[in-house]
């Protein structure tokens, strides 16, 4: 996909941010498949990765563009709710909405490992 094509998609969603899921092509592909299937309806990130010098903080109502690992647009997501909380405050309903685990304990284990691998 050329920069012009990505620009066309961004024009369709004014004010959108672009991002990739995960830290590797394999993880990104898996997470995108969960979104496409409807199993993943929530996502999270470390607060330190947002704001100045990082990704834009999500804004309710904004539609952002999730990219394939190679940079092509994969899908648009709309932010319905933004909640900032400590890792220990994540509720089971949210963990399950992420679609990656079948329990809060599994979510906590996997996300702790992910955040530790990525400087958190």
Protein backbone atom coordinates (compact mmCIF):
# COMPACT_ATOMS: atom_id res chain seq x y z
CA UNK A 1 0.00 0.00 0.00
CA UNK A 2 1.33 3.41 -0.89
CA UNK A 3 1.30 6.42 1.40
CA UNK A 4 -1.36 7.93 -0.88
CA UNK A 5 -3.64 4.92 -0.33
CA UNK A 6 -3.19 5.11 3.44
CA UNK A 7 -3.92 8.82 3.23
CA UNK A 8 -7.18 8.02 1.40
CA UNK A 9 -8.25 5.72 4.24
CA UNK A 10 -7.31 8.37 6.82
CA UNK A 11 -9.44 10.92 4.95
CA UNK A 12 -12.39 8.56 5.34
CA UNK A 13 -11.79 8.71 9.12
CA UNK A 14 -10.77 12.32 9.90
CA UNK A 15 -8.60 12.66 13.00
CA UNK A 16 -7.85 8.95 13.05
CA UNK A 17 -4.65 7.51 14.42
CA UNK A 18 -2.97 4.44 13.00
CA UNK A 19 -1.52 1.62 15.06
CA UNK A 20 -0.51 -2.02 14.96
CA UNK A 21 -1.60 -4.60 17.46
CA UNK A 22 1.13 -6.43 19.37
CA UNK A 23 4.88 -6.53 19.07
CA UNK A 24 5.33 -9.04 16.26
CA UNK A 25 3.70 -10.00 12.98
CA UNK A 26 2.41 -13.26 14.47
CA UNK A 27 0.80 -11.54 17.46
CA UNK A 28 -0.59 -8.75 15.29
CA UNK A 29 -2.16 -11.24 12.85
CA UNK A 30 -3.73 -13.20 15.72
CA UNK A 31 -5.16 -10.08 17.38
CA UNK A 32 -6.55 -8.80 14.08
CA UNK A 33 -8.21 -12.18 13.51
CA UNK A 34 -9.87 -11.89 16.94
CA UNK A 35 -11.22 -8.45 16.01
CA UNK A 36 -12.42 -9.67 12.61
CA UNK A 37 -14.24 -12.60 14.23
CA UNK A 38 -15.95 -10.32 16.76
CA UNK A 39 -14.29 -12.04 19.72
CA UNK A 40 -12.05 -9.04 20.55
CA UNK A 41 -14.11 -5.94 21.31
CA UNK A 42 -11.70 -4.21 23.72
CA UNK A 43 -8.02 -3.44 23.87
CA UNK A 44 -5.56 -1.89 26.29
CA UNK A 45 -2.10 -0.45 26.44
CA UNK A 46 0.39 0.87 28.94
CA UNK A 47 -0.29 4.52 29.78
CA UNK A 48 3.41 5.33 29.31
CA UNK A 49 3.01 4.53 25.58
CA UNK A 50 0.41 7.26 25.02
CA UNK A 51 0.62 11.01 24.80
CA UNK A 52 3.65 13.13 24.02
CA UNK A 53 6.16 11.08 22.03
CA UNK A 54 3.83 8.08 21.82
CA UNK A 55 0.50 7.09 20.40
CA UNK A 56 -2.41 9.52 20.72
CA UNK A 57 -4.57 8.83 23.77
CA UNK A 58 -7.82 7.22 22.63
CA UNK A 59 -10.80 9.55 22.39
CA UNK A 60 -14.43 8.44 22.64
CA UNK A 61 -16.04 8.59 19.20
CA UNK A 62 -12.78 8.63 17.25
CA UNK A 63 -12.26 5.93 14.66
CA UNK A 64 -8.69 4.69 14.37
CA UNK A 65 -7.07 2.46 11.78
CA UNK A 66 -5.46 -0.81 12.79
CA UNK A 67 -2.70 -1.71 10.37
CA UNK A 68 -1.47 -5.06 9.14
CA UNK A 69 2.12 -5.68 10.27
CA UNK A 70 3.35 -4.50 6.86
CA UNK A 71 1.53 -1.18 7.17
CA UNK A 72 -1.63 -1.77 5.13
CA UNK A 73 -4.93 -0.78 6.73
CA UNK A 74 -6.69 -3.82 8.17
CA UNK A 75 -9.75 -2.36 9.86
CA UNK A 76 -11.17 0.70 11.56
CA UNK A 77 -12.20 0.65 15.19
CA UNK A 78 -14.35 3.15 17.05
CA UNK A 79 -13.56 4.03 20.65
CA UNK A 80 -16.71 3.81 22.76
CA UNK A 81 -15.20 4.04 26.25
CA UNK A 82 -11.83 5.11 27.63
CA UNK A 83 -10.88 4.04 31.12
CA UNK A 84 -7.50 4.65 32.75
CA UNK A 85 -6.79 2.33 35.64
CA UNK A 86 -4.03 0.41 37.33
CA UNK A 87 -3.23 -3.07 36.10
CA UNK A 88 -4.60 -4.52 39.34
CA UNK A 89 -7.93 -2.72 38.79
CA UNK A 90 -8.77 -4.37 35.45
CA UNK A 91 -12.13 -6.07 35.73
CA UNK A 92 -12.95 -9.52 34.42
CA UNK A 93 -15.56 -8.21 31.97
CA UNK A 94 -12.91 -6.07 30.28
CA UNK A 95 -10.34 -8.88 30.27
CA UNK A 96 -12.84 -11.20 28.60
CA UNK A 97 -13.83 -8.52 26.07
CA UNK A 98 -10.21 -8.44 24.91
CA UNK A 99 -10.93 -11.94 23.57
CA UNK A 100 -7.47 -13.32 24.24
CA UNK A 101 -8.17 -15.41 27.35
CA UNK A 102 -11.06 -17.13 29.07
CA UNK A 103 -10.34 -15.73 32.55
CA UNK A 104 -9.04 -12.66 34.34
CA UNK A 105 -6.14 -14.75 35.68
CA UNK A 106 -5.11 -15.74 32.14
CA UNK A 107 -5.43 -12.16 30.95
CA UNK A 108 -3.32 -10.92 33.88
CA UNK A 109 -0.59 -13.52 33.28
CA UNK A 110 -0.31 -12.88 29.55
CA UNK A 111 -0.51 -9.09 29.79
CA UNK A 112 2.02 -8.96 32.60
CA UNK A 113 4.47 -10.89 30.38
CA UNK A 114 3.69 -8.62 27.41
CA UNK A 115 4.17 -5.40 29.37
CA UNK A 116 7.39 -6.72 30.98
CA UNK A 117 8.79 -7.61 27.55
CA UNK A 118 8.02 -4.09 26.40
CA UNK A 119 9.49 -2.07 29.25
CA UNK A 120 6.62 -2.01 31.73
